[in-house]
Amino acid sequence: MHFLLHAKIKKPRDVSNKEFYAVWQRESVAGRELAKQGVPIFKVAGKYEVVLLIEVDSESELDEAIHSLPIWQEGFQDMVEIDATLLRPYAEWGEQLDKLAGV
């Protein structure tokens, strides 16, 4: 299963800039490890957002991956909002379109 993850990072008012960036820096270590493993991961230019394409075997594995991130492990999960979108291979959709179009 492929998921597009879109993480919006938010700085809570009661967290100093230094602490906010320190938490994000520690999180970036995990992100750079994913990139080394070939996972496409990007910081959205001009925004506090990160997007990545992740492949997992199940929804449970996705939950485990998210909850293993430093931002969750350190109790700062309120700093991030994650939107996960399940992706379908386009070739499969094309085959369905062939049937729908009577081709």
PDB file of N, CA and C in Angstrom:
ATOM      1  N   MET A   1       0.839  -1.166   0.000  1.00  0.00           N
ATOM      2  CA  MET A   1       0.000   0.000   0.000  1.00  0.00           C
ATOM      3  C   MET A   1       0.896   1.246   0.000  1.00  0.00           C
ATOM      4  N   HIS A   2       0.527   2.174  -0.848  1.00  0.00           N
ATOM      5  CA  HIS A   2       1.248   3.442  -0.899  1.00  0.00           C
ATOM      6  C   HIS A   2       0.378   4.550  -0.299  1.00  0.00           C
ATOM      7  N   PHE A   3       0.993   5.361   0.535  1.00  0.00           N
ATOM      8  CA  PHE A   3       0.308   6.502   1.122  1.00  0.00           C
ATOM      9  C   PHE A   3       1.090   7.771   0.837  1.00  0.00           C
ATOM     10  N   LEU A   4       0.367   8.826   0.528  1.00  0.00           N
ATOM     11  CA  LEU A   4       0.940  10.154   0.472  1.00  0.00           C
ATOM     12  C   LEU A   4       0.691  10.775   1.839  1.00  0.00           C
ATOM     13  N   LEU A   5       1.757  11.101   2.545  1.00  0.00           N
ATOM     14  CA  LEU A   5       1.636  11.731   3.857  1.00  0.00           C
ATOM     15  C   LEU A   5       1.962  13.205   3.726  1.00  0.00           C
ATOM     16  N   HIS A   6       1.108  14.011   4.285  1.00  0.00           N
ATOM     17  CA  HIS A   6       1.285  15.460   4.279  1.00  0.00           C
ATOM     18  C   HIS A   6       1.266  15.881   5.739  1.00  0.00           C
ATOM     19  N   ALA A   7       2.412  16.356   6.239  1.00  0.00           N
ATOM     20  CA  ALA A   7       2.532  16.755   7.637  1.00  0.00           C
ATOM     21  C   ALA A   7       2.656  18.267   7.724  1.00  0.00           C
ATOM     22  N   LYS A   8       1.710  18.885   8.420  1.00  0.00           N
ATOM     23  CA  LYS A   8       1.758  20.326   8.659  1.00  0.00           C
ATOM     24  C   LYS A   8       2.293  20.532  10.071  1.00  0.00           C
ATOM     25  N   ILE A   9       3.403  21.237  10.158  1.00  0.00           N
ATOM     26  CA  ILE A   9       4.055  21.478  11.432  1.00  0.00           C
ATOM     27  C   ILE A   9       3.568  22.813  11.994  1.00  0.00           C
ATOM     28  N   LYS A  10       3.169  22.806  13.271  1.00  0.00           N
ATOM     29  CA  LYS A  10       2.675  24.023  13.913  1.00  0.00           C
ATOM     30  C   LYS A  10       3.442  24.259  15.207  1.00  0.00           C
ATOM     31  N   LYS A  11       3.811  25.499  15.431  1.00  0.00           N
ATOM     32  CA  LYS A  11       4.518  25.856  16.663  1.00  0.00           C
ATOM     33  C   LYS A  11       3.501  26.259  17.723  1.00  0.00           C
ATOM     34  N   PRO A  12       3.399  25.479  18.803  1.00  0.00           N
ATOM     35  CA  PRO A  12       2.512  25.876  19.893  1.00  0.00           C
ATOM     36  C   PRO A  12       3.011  27.174  20.543  1.00  0.00           C
ATOM     37  N   ARG A  13       2.092  27.985  21.020  1.00  0.00           N
ATOM     38  CA  ARG A  13       2.454  29.277  21.632  1.00  0.00           C
ATOM     39  C   ARG A  13       3.353  29.110  22.849  1.00  0.00           C
ATOM     40  N   ASP A  14       3.165  28.028  23.602  1.00  0.00           N
ATOM     41  CA  ASP A  14       3.936  27.856  24.834  1.00  0.00           C
ATOM     42  C   ASP A  14       5.294  27.187  24.613  1.00  0.00           C
ATOM     43  N   VAL A  15       5.673  26.984  23.366  1.00  0.00           N
ATOM     44  CA  VAL A  15       6.974  26.390  23.037  1.00  0.00           C
ATOM     45  C   VAL A  15       7.855  27.485  22.448  1.00  0.00           C
ATOM     46  N   SER A  16       9.068  27.613  22.973  1.00  0.00           N
ATOM     47  CA  SER A  16       9.987  28.635  22.456  1.00  0.00           C
ATOM     48  C   SER A  16      10.434  28.270  21.039  1.00  0.00           C
ATOM     49  N   ASN A  17      10.899  29.272  20.311  1.00  0.00           N
ATOM     50  CA  ASN A  17      11.425  29.018  18.963  1.00  0.00           C
ATOM     51  C   ASN A  17      12.555  27.998  19.009  1.00  0.00           C
ATOM     52  N   LYS A  18      13.446  28.151  19.982  1.00  0.00           N
ATOM     53  CA  LYS A  18      14.586  27.244  20.094  1.00  0.00           C
ATOM     54  C   LYS A  18      14.116  25.804  20.301  1.00  0.00           C
ATOM     55  N   GLU A  19      13.162  25.607  21.200  1.00  0.00           N
ATOM     56  CA  GLU A  19      12.653  24.255  21.454  1.00  0.00           C
ATOM     57  C   GLU A  19      11.917  23.715  20.228  1.00  0.00           C
ATOM     58  N   PHE A  20      11.124  24.562  19.580  1.00  0.00           N
ATOM     59  CA  PHE A  20      10.392  24.159  18.375  1.00  0.00           C
ATOM     60  C   PHE A  20      11.347  23.648  17.300  1.00  0.00           C
ATOM     61  N   TYR A  21      12.384  24.435  17.023  1.00  0.00           N
ATOM     62  CA  TYR A  21      13.334  24.024  15.991  1.00  0.00           C
ATOM     63  C   TYR A  21      14.159  22.818  16.420  1.00  0.00           C
ATOM     64  N   ALA A  22      14.421  22.683  17.718  1.00  0.00           N
ATOM     65  CA  ALA A  22      15.159  21.523  18.209  1.00  0.00           C
ATOM     66  C   ALA A  22      14.347  20.241  18.020  1.00  0.00           C
ATOM     67  N   VAL A  23      13.056  20.315  18.318  1.00  0.00           N
ATOM     68  CA  VAL A  23      12.186  19.153  18.113  1.00  0.00           C
ATOM     69  C   VAL A  23      12.146  18.794  16.632  1.00  0.00           C
ATOM     70  N   TRP A  24      11.970  19.800  15.772  1.00  0.00           N
ATOM     71  CA  TRP A  24      11.895  19.546  14.334  1.00  0.00           C
ATOM     72  C   TRP A  24      13.230  19.019  13.816  1.00  0.00           C
ATOM     73  N   GLN A  25      14.338  19.504  14.373  1.00  0.00           N
ATOM     74  CA  GLN A  25      15.651  19.018  13.958  1.00  0.00           C
ATOM     75  C   GLN A  25      15.791  17.536  14.276  1.00  0.00           C
ATOM     76  N   ARG A  26      15.358  17.127  15.463  1.00  0.00           N
ATOM     77  CA  ARG A  26      15.431  15.703  15.827  1.00  0.00           C
ATOM     78  C   ARG A  26      14.528  14.875  14.918  1.00  0.00           C
ATOM     79  N   GLU A  27      13.386  15.419  14.578  1.00  0.00           N
ATOM     80  CA  GLU A  27      12.475  14.735  13.656  1.00  0.00           C
ATOM     81  C   GLU A  27      13.115  14.612  12.268  1.00  0.00           C
ATOM     82  N   SER A  28      13.874  15.639  11.888  1.00  0.00           N
ATOM     83  CA  SER A  28      14.501  15.623  10.562  1.00  0.00           C
ATOM     84  C   SER A  28      15.548  14.518  10.434  1.00  0.00           C
ATOM     85  N   VAL A  29      16.122  14.101  11.550  1.00  0.00           N
ATOM     86  CA  VAL A  29      17.078  12.988  11.513  1.00  0.00           C
ATOM     87  C   VAL A  29      16.365  11.729  11.005  1.00  0.00           C
ATOM     88  N   ALA A  30      15.154  11.485  11.520  1.00  0.00           N
ATOM     89  CA  ALA A  30      14.364  10.333  11.057  1.00  0.00           C
ATOM     90  C   ALA A  30      13.996  10.503   9.589  1.00  0.00           C
ATOM     91  N   GLY A  31      13.643  11.725   9.189  1.00  0.00           N
ATOM     92  CA  GLY A  31      13.301  11.988   7.795  1.00  0.00           C
ATOM     93  C   GLY A  31      14.477  11.775   6.860  1.00  0.00           C
ATOM     94  N   ARG A  32      15.660  12.189   7.289  1.00  0.00           N
ATOM     95  CA  ARG A  32      16.848  11.987   6.453  1.00  0.00           C
ATOM     96  C   ARG A  32      17.190  10.511   6.338  1.00  0.00           C
ATOM     97  N   GLU A  33      16.922   9.732   7.400  1.00  0.00           N
ATOM     98  CA  GLU A  33      17.122   8.283   7.331  1.00  0.00           C
ATOM     99  C   GLU A  33      16.183   7.666   6.298  1.00  0.00           C
ATOM    100  N   LEU A  34      14.927   8.118   6.306  1.00  0.00           N
ATOM    101  CA  LEU A  34      13.976   7.628   5.299  1.00  0.00           C
ATOM    102  C   LEU A  34      14.468   7.956   3.891  1.00  0.00           C
ATOM    103  N   ALA A  35      14.963   9.177   3.712  1.00  0.00           N
ATOM    104  CA  ALA A  35      15.472   9.584   2.392  1.00  0.00           C
ATOM    105  C   ALA A  35      16.634   8.690   1.962  1.00  0.00           C
ATOM    106  N   LYS A  36      17.519   8.339   2.895  1.00  0.00           N
ATOM    107  CA  LYS A  36      18.647   7.450   2.586  1.00  0.00           C
ATOM    108  C   LYS A  36      18.160   6.075   2.155  1.00  0.00           C
ATOM    109  N   GLN A  37      16.978   5.673   2.666  1.00  0.00           N
ATOM    110  CA  GLN A  37      16.390   4.374   2.322  1.00  0.00           C
ATOM    111  C   GLN A  37      15.588   4.441   1.024  1.00  0.00           C
ATOM    112  N   GLY A  38      15.577   5.613   0.388  1.00  0.00           N
ATOM    113  CA  GLY A  38      14.891   5.753  -0.889  1.00  0.00           C
ATOM    114  C   GLY A  38      13.472   6.269  -0.815  1.00  0.00           C
ATOM    115  N   VAL A  39      13.018   6.668   0.364  1.00  0.00           N
ATOM    116  CA  VAL A  39      11.659   7.198   0.511  1.00  0.00           C
ATOM    117  C   VAL A  39      11.655   8.645   0.020  1.00  0.00           C
ATOM    118  N   PRO A  40      10.806   8.970  -0.957  1.00  0.00           N
ATOM    119  CA  PRO A  40      10.716  10.370  -1.402  1.00  0.00           C
ATOM    120  C   PRO A  40      10.111  11.231  -0.294  1.00  0.00           C
ATOM    121  N   ILE A  41      10.884  12.181   0.203  1.00  0.00           N
ATOM    122  CA  ILE A  41      10.428  13.061   1.272  1.00  0.00           C
ATOM    123  C   ILE A  41      10.890  14.476   0.953  1.00  0.00           C
ATOM    124  N   PHE A  42       9.985  15.430   1.123  1.00  0.00           N
ATOM    125  CA  PHE A  42      10.267  16.804   0.739  1.00  0.00           C
ATOM    126  C   PHE A  42       9.726  17.775   1.776  1.00  0.00           C
ATOM    127  N   LYS A  43      10.415  18.873   1.966  1.00  0.00           N
ATOM    128  CA  LYS A  43       9.932  20.022   2.729  1.00  0.00           C
ATOM    129  C   LYS A  43       9.261  20.929   1.716  1.00  0.00           C
ATOM    130  N   VAL A  44       8.043  21.361   1.978  1.00  0.00           N
ATOM    131  CA  VAL A  44       7.329  22.267   1.085  1.00  0.00           C
ATOM    132  C   VAL A  44       7.958  23.652   1.230  1.00  0.00           C
ATOM    133  N   ALA A  45       8.393  24.215   0.130  1.00  0.00           N
ATOM    134  CA  ALA A  45       9.066  25.515   0.152  1.00  0.00           C
ATOM    135  C   ALA A  45       8.126  26.594   0.684  1.00  0.00           C
ATOM    136  N   GLY A  46       8.648  27.392   1.590  1.00  0.00           N
ATOM    137  CA  GLY A  46       7.896  28.522   2.122  1.00  0.00           C
ATOM    138  C   GLY A  46       6.856  28.184   3.168  1.00  0.00           C
ATOM    139  N   LYS A  47       6.756  26.919   3.548  1.00  0.00           N
ATOM    140  CA  LYS A  47       5.765  26.503   4.542  1.00  0.00           C
ATOM    141  C   LYS A  47       6.396  25.537   5.526  1.00  0.00           C
ATOM    142  N   TYR A  48       5.788  25.404   6.687  1.00  0.00           N
ATOM    143  CA  TYR A  48       6.216  24.405   7.658  1.00  0.00           C
ATOM    144  C   TYR A  48       5.443  23.125   7.359  1.00  0.00           C
ATOM    145  N   GLU A  49       5.783  22.518   6.242  1.00  0.00           N
ATOM    146  CA  GLU A  49       5.103  21.300   5.810  1.00  0.00           C
ATOM    147  C   GLU A  49       6.108  20.334   5.196  1.00  0.00           C
ATOM    148  N   VAL A  50       5.814  19.058   5.374  1.00  0.00           N
ATOM    149  CA  VAL A  50       6.627  17.986   4.821  1.00  0.00           C
ATOM    150  C   VAL A  50       5.680  17.021   4.117  1.00  0.00           C
ATOM    151  N   VAL A  51       6.091  16.544   2.943  1.00  0.00           N
ATOM    152  CA  VAL A  51       5.317  15.524   2.232  1.00  0.00           C
ATOM    153  C   VAL A  51       6.237  14.348   1.920  1.00  0.00           C
ATOM    154  N   LEU A  52       5.658  13.162   1.955  1.00  0.00           N
ATOM    155  CA  LEU A  52       6.431  11.982   1.600  1.00  0.00           C
ATOM    156  C   LEU A  52       5.511  10.901   1.067  1.00  0.00           C
ATOM    157  N   LEU A  53       6.110  10.014   0.306  1.00  0.00           N
ATOM    158  CA  LEU A  53       5.411   8.864  -0.236  1.00  0.00           C
ATOM    159  C   LEU A  53       5.962   7.648   0.487  1.00  0.00           C
ATOM    160  N   ILE A  54       5.093   6.923   1.181  1.00  0.00           N
ATOM    161  CA  ILE A  54       5.547   5.783   1.976  1.00  0.00           C
ATOM    162  C   ILE A  54       4.805   4.526   1.545  1.00  0.00           C
ATOM    163  N   GLU A  55       5.522   3.429   1.533  1.00  0.00           N
ATOM    164  CA  GLU A  55       4.924   2.137   1.198  1.00  0.00           C
ATOM    165  C   GLU A  55       4.929   1.268   2.448  1.00  0.00           C
ATOM    166  N   VAL A  56       3.763   0.754   2.815  1.00  0.00           N
ATOM    167  CA  VAL A  56       3.606  -0.121   3.974  1.00  0.00           C
ATOM    168  C   VAL A  56       2.705  -1.288   3.580  1.00  0.00           C
ATOM    169  N   ASP A  57       2.709  -2.320   4.409  1.00  0.00           N
ATOM    170  CA  ASP A  57       1.893  -3.498   4.123  1.00  0.00           C
ATOM    171  C   ASP A  57       0.464  -3.389   4.636  1.00  0.00           C
ATOM    172  N   SER A  58       0.224  -2.468   5.587  1.00  0.00           N
ATOM    173  CA  SER A  58      -1.115  -2.357   6.156  1.00  0.00           C
ATOM    174  C   SER A  58      -1.300  -0.984   6.779  1.00  0.00           C
ATOM    175  N   GLU A  59      -2.545  -0.694   7.109  1.00  0.00           N
ATOM    176  CA  GLU A  59      -2.851   0.555   7.803  1.00  0.00           C
ATOM    177  C   GLU A  59      -2.209   0.559   9.185  1.00  0.00           C
ATOM    178  N   SER A  60      -2.166  -0.617   9.816  1.00  0.00           N
ATOM    179  CA  SER A  60      -1.541  -0.734  11.141  1.00  0.00           C
ATOM    180  C   SER A  60      -0.059  -0.393  11.073  1.00  0.00           C
ATOM    181  N   GLU A  61       0.595  -0.828  10.016  1.00  0.00           N
ATOM    182  CA  GLU A  61       2.018  -0.520   9.850  1.00  0.00           C
ATOM    183  C   GLU A  61       2.229   0.980   9.664  1.00  0.00           C
ATOM    184  N   LEU A  62       1.304   1.634   8.984  1.00  0.00           N
ATOM    185  CA  LEU A  62       1.388   3.089   8.835  1.00  0.00           C
ATOM    186  C   LEU A  62       1.268   3.757  10.204  1.00  0.00           C
ATOM    187  N   ASP A  63       0.288   3.342  11.001  1.00  0.00           N
ATOM    188  CA  ASP A  63       0.132   3.894  12.350  1.00  0.00           C
ATOM    189  C   ASP A  63       1.391   3.679  13.186  1.00  0.00           C
ATOM    190  N   GLU A  64       1.967   2.480  13.116  1.00  0.00           N
ATOM    191  CA  GLU A  64       3.185   2.178  13.873  1.00  0.00           C
ATOM    192  C   GLU A  64       4.327   3.086  13.435  1.00  0.00           C
ATOM    193  N   ALA A  65       4.458   3.299  12.129  1.00  0.00           N
ATOM    194  CA  ALA A  65       5.533   4.158  11.614  1.00  0.00           C
ATOM    195  C   ALA A  65       5.369   5.589  12.111  1.00  0.00           C
ATOM    196  N   ILE A  66       4.147   6.092  12.058  1.00  0.00           N
ATOM    197  CA  ILE A  66       3.897   7.473  12.513  1.00  0.00           C
ATOM    198  C   ILE A  66       4.186   7.606  14.003  1.00  0.00           C
ATOM    199  N   HIS A  67       3.718   6.655  14.794  1.00  0.00           N
ATOM    200  CA  HIS A  67       3.880   6.751  16.247  1.00  0.00           C
ATOM    201  C   HIS A  67       5.298   6.441  16.718  1.00  0.00           C
ATOM    202  N   SER A  68       6.131   5.930  15.836  1.00  0.00           N
ATOM    203  CA  SER A  68       7.530   5.685  16.208  1.00  0.00           C
ATOM    204  C   SER A  68       8.409   6.912  15.964  1.00  0.00           C
ATOM    205  N   LEU A  69       7.861   7.938  15.328  1.00  0.00           N
ATOM    206  CA  LEU A  69       8.642   9.139  15.035  1.00  0.00           C
ATOM    207  C   LEU A  69       8.987   9.893  16.320  1.00  0.00           C
ATOM    208  N   PRO A  70      10.143  10.544  16.342  1.00  0.00           N
ATOM    209  CA  PRO A  70      10.565  11.280  17.537  1.00  0.00           C
ATOM    210  C   PRO A  70       9.527  12.282  18.043  1.00  0.00           C
ATOM    211  N   ILE A  71       8.816  12.939  17.139  1.00  0.00           N
ATOM    212  CA  ILE A  71       7.843  13.951  17.564  1.00  0.00           C
ATOM    213  C   ILE A  71       6.751  13.326  18.437  1.00  0.00           C
ATOM    214  N   TRP A  72       6.406  12.064  18.174  1.00  0.00           N
ATOM    215  CA  TRP A  72       5.425  11.356  19.007  1.00  0.00           C
ATOM    216  C   TRP A  72       6.099  10.805  20.256  1.00  0.00           C
ATOM    217  N   GLN A  73       7.251  10.200  20.075  1.00  0.00           N
ATOM    218  CA  GLN A  73       7.957   9.601  21.199  1.00  0.00           C
ATOM    219  C   GLN A  73       8.285  10.619  22.284  1.00  0.00           C
ATOM    220  N   GLU A  74       8.529  11.866  21.883  1.00  0.00           N
ATOM    221  CA  GLU A  74       8.885  12.917  22.836  1.00  0.00           C
ATOM    222  C   GLU A  74       7.668  13.678  23.361  1.00  0.00           C
ATOM    223  N   GLY A  75       6.464  13.320  22.890  1.00  0.00           N
ATOM    224  CA  GLY A  75       5.252  13.950  23.381  1.00  0.00           C
ATOM    225  C   GLY A  75       4.905  15.284  22.732  1.00  0.00           C
ATOM    226  N   PHE A  76       5.434  15.539  21.536  1.00  0.00           N
ATOM    227  CA  PHE A  76       5.156  16.794  20.833  1.00  0.00           C
ATOM    228  C   PHE A  76       4.203  16.592  19.646  1.00  0.00           C
ATOM    229  N   GLN A  77       3.384  15.547  19.677  1.00  0.00           N
ATOM    230  CA  GLN A  77       2.495  15.260  18.554  1.00  0.00           C
ATOM    231  C   GLN A  77       1.513  16.383  18.271  1.00  0.00           C
ATOM    232  N   ASP A  78       1.299  17.278  19.241  1.00  0.00           N
ATOM    233  CA  ASP A  78       0.401  18.408  18.991  1.00  0.00           C
ATOM    234  C   ASP A  78       1.036  19.439  18.061  1.00  0.00           C
ATOM    235  N   MET A  79       2.313  19.246  17.714  1.00  0.00           N
ATOM    236  CA  MET A  79       2.996  20.154  16.801  1.00  0.00           C
ATOM    237  C   MET A  79       2.793  19.775  15.334  1.00  0.00           C
ATOM    238  N   VAL A  80       2.151  18.644  15.088  1.00  0.00           N
ATOM    239  CA  VAL A  80       2.027  18.188  13.702  1.00  0.00           C
ATOM    240  C   VAL A  80       0.619  17.662  13.429  1.00  0.00           C
ATOM    241  N   GLU A  81       0.118  17.996  12.249  1.00  0.00           N
ATOM    242  CA  GLU A  81      -1.147  17.449  11.766  1.00  0.00           C
ATOM    243  C   GLU A  81      -0.822  16.641  10.522  1.00  0.00           C
ATOM    244  N   ILE A  82      -1.166  15.362  10.548  1.00  0.00           N
ATOM    245  CA  ILE A  82      -0.830  14.479   9.433  1.00  0.00           C
ATOM    246  C   ILE A  82      -2.088  14.094   8.675  1.00  0.00           C
ATOM    247  N   ASP A  83      -1.996  14.218   7.367  1.00  0.00           N
ATOM    248  CA  ASP A  83      -3.060  13.772   6.476  1.00  0.00           C
ATOM    249  C   ASP A  83      -2.475  12.638   5.635  1.00  0.00           C
ATOM    250  N   ALA A  84      -3.061  11.453   5.726  1.00  0.00           N
ATOM    251  CA  ALA A  84      -2.595  10.285   4.973  1.00  0.00           C
ATOM    252  C   ALA A  84      -3.611   9.945   3.894  1.00  0.00           C
ATOM    253  N   THR A  85      -3.147   9.870   2.661  1.00  0.00           N
ATOM    254  CA  THR A  85      -4.013   9.552   1.530  1.00  0.00           C
ATOM    255  C   THR A  85      -3.547   8.250   0.901  1.00  0.00           C
ATOM    256  N   LEU A  86      -4.440   7.261   0.876  1.00  0.00           N
ATOM    257  CA  LEU A  86      -4.127   5.983   0.245  1.00  0.00           C
ATOM    258  C   LEU A  86      -4.099   6.180  -1.267  1.00  0.00           C
ATOM    259  N   LEU A  87      -3.033   5.705  -1.893  1.00  0.00           N
ATOM    260  CA  LEU A  87      -2.876   5.855  -3.337  1.00  0.00           C
ATOM    261  C   LEU A  87      -3.094   4.521  -4.038  1.00  0.00           C
ATOM    262  N   ARG A  88      -3.634   4.603  -5.225  1.00  0.00           N
ATOM    263  CA  ARG A  88      -3.897   3.422  -6.040  1.00  0.00           C
ATOM    264  C   ARG A  88      -3.008   3.494  -7.273  1.00  0.00           C
ATOM    265  N   PRO A  89      -2.367   2.372  -7.650  1.00  0.00           N
ATOM    266  CA  PRO A  89      -1.535   2.401  -8.865  1.00  0.00           C
ATOM    267  C   PRO A  89      -2.360   2.837 -10.083  1.00  0.00           C
ATOM    268  N   TYR A  90      -1.800   3.759 -10.841  1.00  0.00           N
ATOM    269  CA  TYR A  90      -2.537   4.318 -11.966  1.00  0.00           C
ATOM    270  C   TYR A  90      -2.832   3.267 -13.030  1.00  0.00           C
ATOM    271  N   ALA A  91      -1.943   2.295 -13.204  1.00  0.00           N
ATOM    272  CA  ALA A  91      -2.180   1.238 -14.193  1.00  0.00           C
ATOM    273  C   ALA A  91      -3.453   0.457 -13.866  1.00  0.00           C
ATOM    274  N   GLU A  92      -3.686   0.193 -12.577  1.00  0.00           N
ATOM    275  CA  GLU A  92      -4.918  -0.494 -12.178  1.00  0.00           C
ATOM    276  C   GLU A  92      -6.140   0.351 -12.518  1.00  0.00           C
ATOM    277  N   TRP A  93      -6.053   1.642 -12.269  1.00  0.00           N
ATOM    278  CA  TRP A  93      -7.149   2.551 -12.607  1.00  0.00           C
ATOM    279  C   TRP A  93      -7.370   2.561 -14.112  1.00  0.00           C
ATOM    280  N   GLY A  94      -6.297   2.558 -14.879  1.00  0.00           N
ATOM    281  CA  GLY A  94      -6.414   2.533 -16.337  1.00  0.00           C
ATOM    282  C   GLY A  94      -7.144   1.289 -16.823  1.00  0.00           C
ATOM    283  N   GLU A  95      -6.862   0.153 -16.210  1.00  0.00           N
ATOM    284  CA  GLU A  95      -7.556  -1.086 -16.575  1.00  0.00           C
ATOM    285  C   GLU A  95      -9.049  -0.987 -16.256  1.00  0.00           C
ATOM    286  N   GLN A  96      -9.368  -0.370 -15.120  1.00  0.00           N
ATOM    287  CA  GLN A  96     -10.768  -0.191 -14.768  1.00  0.00           C
ATOM    288  C   GLN A  96     -11.432   0.761 -15.765  1.00  0.00           C
ATOM    289  N   LEU A  97     -10.710   1.802 -16.177  1.00  0.00           N
ATOM    290  CA  LEU A  97     -11.249   2.733 -17.168  1.00  0.00           C
ATOM    291  C   LEU A  97     -11.532   2.025 -18.492  1.00  0.00           C
ATOM    292  N   ASP A  98     -10.642   1.098 -18.887  1.00  0.00           N
ATOM    293  CA  ASP A  98     -10.881   0.333 -20.105  1.00  0.00           C
ATOM    294  C   ASP A  98     -12.221  -0.386 -20.046  1.00  0.00           C
ATOM    295  N   LYS A  99     -12.507  -1.012 -18.896  1.00  0.00           N
ATOM    296  CA  LYS A  99     -13.776  -1.718 -18.719  1.00  0.00           C
ATOM    297  C   LYS A  99     -14.950  -0.749 -18.715  1.00  0.00           C
ATOM    298  N   LEU A 100     -14.787   0.362 -17.984  1.00  0.00           N
ATOM    299  CA  LEU A 100     -15.875   1.346 -17.912  1.00  0.00           C
ATOM    300  C   LEU A 100     -16.178   1.959 -19.278  1.00  0.00           C
ATOM    301  N   ALA A 101     -15.145   2.110 -20.087  1.00  0.00           N
ATOM    302  CA  ALA A 101     -15.321   2.714 -21.414  1.00  0.00           C
ATOM    303  C   ALA A 101     -15.683   1.682 -22.461  1.00  0.00           C
ATOM    304  N   GLY A 102     -15.723   0.397 -22.076  1.00  0.00           N
ATOM    305  CA  GLY A 102     -16.085  -0.661 -23.019  1.00  0.00           C
ATOM    306  C   GLY A 102     -14.982  -0.940 -24.024  1.00  0.00           C
ATOM    307  N   VAL A 103     -13.752  -0.709 -23.662  1.00  0.00           N
ATOM    308  CA  VAL A 103     -12.602  -0.946 -24.567  1.00  0.00           C
ATOM    309  C   VAL A 103     -12.130  -2.364 -24.417  1.00  0.00           C
TER     310      VAL A 103
END
